[in-house]
Amino acid sequence: MAFKFENLQVWQKAMDLNDLIFEISKEFPIEERYNLTSQIRRAIDSVSLNIAEGSTSQTNPEFARFLGYSIRSVVEVVCALFIAKRRNYLSNEIFQEAYSKSEELVKMIQSLKNHLK
């Protein structure tokens, strides 16, 4: 593998969650295309993008800063999931699956961030 981030399990998990959120957001109503759908997709993309960008950092503190951005983006995704659930765009079962995977990912990112300190 050519890039360091490709070997990171946390990046791979972020990509898996990205796939799930993309599929979930396909089911949102058409009128949400430029609002909630766009927002949740940009937020979930930001998670793996920041992990990748941070992994190329020259210092551990710089990488940790990018991991912090990734955590914030996961939290944004979770908030968007709550909004979607309240608007009845997704079932409780799908919400719980995405929520659990988001929680697991945040723990992994935080663990890596702590390891860098």
Protein backbone atom coordinates (compact mmCIF):
# COMPACT_ATOMS: atom_id res chain seq x y z
CA MET A 1 0.00 0.00 0.00
CA ALA A 2 1.36 3.34 -1.03
CA PHE A 3 -0.13 5.56 1.68
CA LYS A 4 0.15 5.21 5.45
CA PHE A 5 -3.58 5.75 6.06
CA GLU A 6 -4.50 2.68 4.01
CA ASN A 7 -3.02 0.49 6.75
CA LEU A 8 -4.92 2.20 9.56
CA GLN A 9 -7.81 0.12 10.87
CA VAL A 10 -9.51 3.32 12.02
CA TRP A 11 -9.48 4.65 8.45
CA GLN A 12 -10.89 1.37 7.15
CA LYS A 13 -13.72 1.53 9.73
CA ALA A 14 -14.38 5.13 8.75
CA MET A 15 -14.72 4.03 5.12
CA ASP A 16 -17.16 1.28 6.15
CA LEU A 17 -19.28 3.81 8.04
CA ASN A 18 -19.07 6.11 5.03
CA ASP A 19 -20.59 3.37 2.86
CA LEU A 20 -23.40 2.80 5.37
CA ILE A 21 -24.26 6.49 5.72
CA PHE A 22 -24.25 6.94 1.95
CA GLU A 23 -26.74 4.06 1.58
CA ILE A 24 -28.91 5.36 4.43
CA SER A 25 -29.01 8.86 2.96
CA LYS A 26 -30.18 7.52 -0.41
CA GLU A 27 -33.51 6.88 1.29
CA PHE A 28 -33.97 10.47 2.46
CA PRO A 29 -36.73 12.40 0.67
CA ILE A 30 -35.80 14.28 -2.48
CA GLU A 31 -36.51 17.61 -0.80
CA GLU A 32 -33.62 16.90 1.59
CA ARG A 33 -31.10 16.57 -1.26
CA TYR A 34 -29.52 19.98 -0.65
CA ASN A 35 -30.02 19.98 3.10
CA LEU A 36 -29.75 16.94 5.33
CA THR A 37 -28.52 14.52 2.64
CA SER A 38 -25.75 16.86 1.57
CA GLN A 39 -24.82 17.69 5.17
CA ILE A 40 -24.56 14.10 6.40
CA ARG A 41 -22.57 13.05 3.34
CA ARG A 42 -20.11 15.91 3.67
CA ALA A 43 -19.70 15.17 7.38
CA ILE A 44 -19.07 11.45 6.88
CA ASP A 45 -16.64 12.13 4.04
CA SER A 46 -14.75 14.49 6.33
CA VAL A 47 -14.09 11.69 8.83
CA SER A 48 -11.97 9.51 6.57
CA LEU A 49 -10.48 12.50 4.73
CA ASN A 50 -9.15 14.00 7.97
CA ILE A 51 -7.74 10.67 9.12
CA ALA A 52 -5.94 10.31 5.80
CA GLU A 53 -4.67 13.88 5.75
CA GLY A 54 -3.56 13.75 9.37
CA SER A 55 -1.67 10.51 8.87
CA THR A 56 0.74 12.33 6.56
CA SER A 57 1.55 14.88 9.27
CA GLN A 58 5.12 15.49 10.29
CA THR A 59 4.29 15.36 14.01
CA ASN A 60 2.04 13.38 16.32
CA PRO A 61 0.35 16.51 17.71
CA GLU A 62 -0.58 17.56 14.18
CA PHE A 63 -2.03 14.10 13.46
CA ALA A 64 -3.95 14.27 16.75
CA ARG A 65 -5.43 17.61 15.67
CA PHE A 66 -6.79 16.03 12.47
CA LEU A 67 -8.18 13.11 14.47
CA GLY A 68 -10.02 15.68 16.58
CA TYR A 69 -11.61 17.02 13.41
CA SER A 70 -12.65 13.47 12.52
CA ILE A 71 -14.33 13.00 15.90
CA ARG A 72 -16.25 16.25 15.45
CA SER A 73 -17.43 15.08 12.04
CA VAL A 74 -18.67 11.76 13.45
CA VAL A 75 -20.63 13.70 16.08
CA GLU A 76 -22.12 15.79 13.28
CA VAL A 77 -23.17 12.59 11.50
CA VAL A 78 -24.81 11.28 14.67
CA CYS A 79 -26.74 14.52 15.11
CA ALA A 80 -27.92 14.27 11.49
CA LEU A 81 -29.03 10.70 12.17
CA PHE A 82 -31.12 11.94 15.10
CA ILE A 83 -32.69 14.56 12.84
CA ALA A 84 -33.44 11.93 10.20
CA LYS A 85 -34.95 9.62 12.81
CA ARG A 86 -37.15 12.40 14.20
CA ARG A 87 -38.36 13.14 10.68
CA ASN A 88 -39.09 9.42 10.15
CA TYR A 89 -36.57 9.05 7.32
CA LEU A 90 -35.08 5.91 8.85
CA SER A 91 -36.15 3.08 11.08
CA ASN A 92 -35.02 2.65 14.66
CA GLU A 93 -33.10 -0.46 13.63
CA ILE A 94 -31.08 1.37 10.97
CA PHE A 95 -30.56 4.31 13.34
CA GLN A 96 -29.20 1.97 16.03
CA GLU A 97 -26.84 0.27 13.59
CA ALA A 98 -25.39 3.58 12.38
CA TYR A 99 -25.28 4.97 15.93
CA SER A 100 -23.40 1.93 17.25
CA LYS A 101 -20.88 2.01 14.42
CA SER A 102 -20.40 5.74 14.96
CA GLU A 103 -19.80 5.20 18.66
CA GLU A 104 -17.29 2.44 17.95
CA LEU A 105 -15.47 4.65 15.46
CA VAL A 106 -15.22 7.58 17.88
CA LYS A 107 -13.71 5.26 20.49
CA MET A 108 -11.16 4.01 17.98
CA ILE A 109 -10.23 7.53 16.85
CA GLN A 110 -9.95 8.71 20.46
CA SER A 111 -7.78 5.73 21.34
CA LEU A 112 -5.43 6.48 18.46
CA LYS A 113 -5.39 10.15 19.43
CA ASN A 114 -4.49 9.26 23.02
CA HIS A 115 -1.77 6.92 21.79
CA LEU A 116 -0.16 9.78 19.86
CA LYS A 117 0.24 11.94 22.98
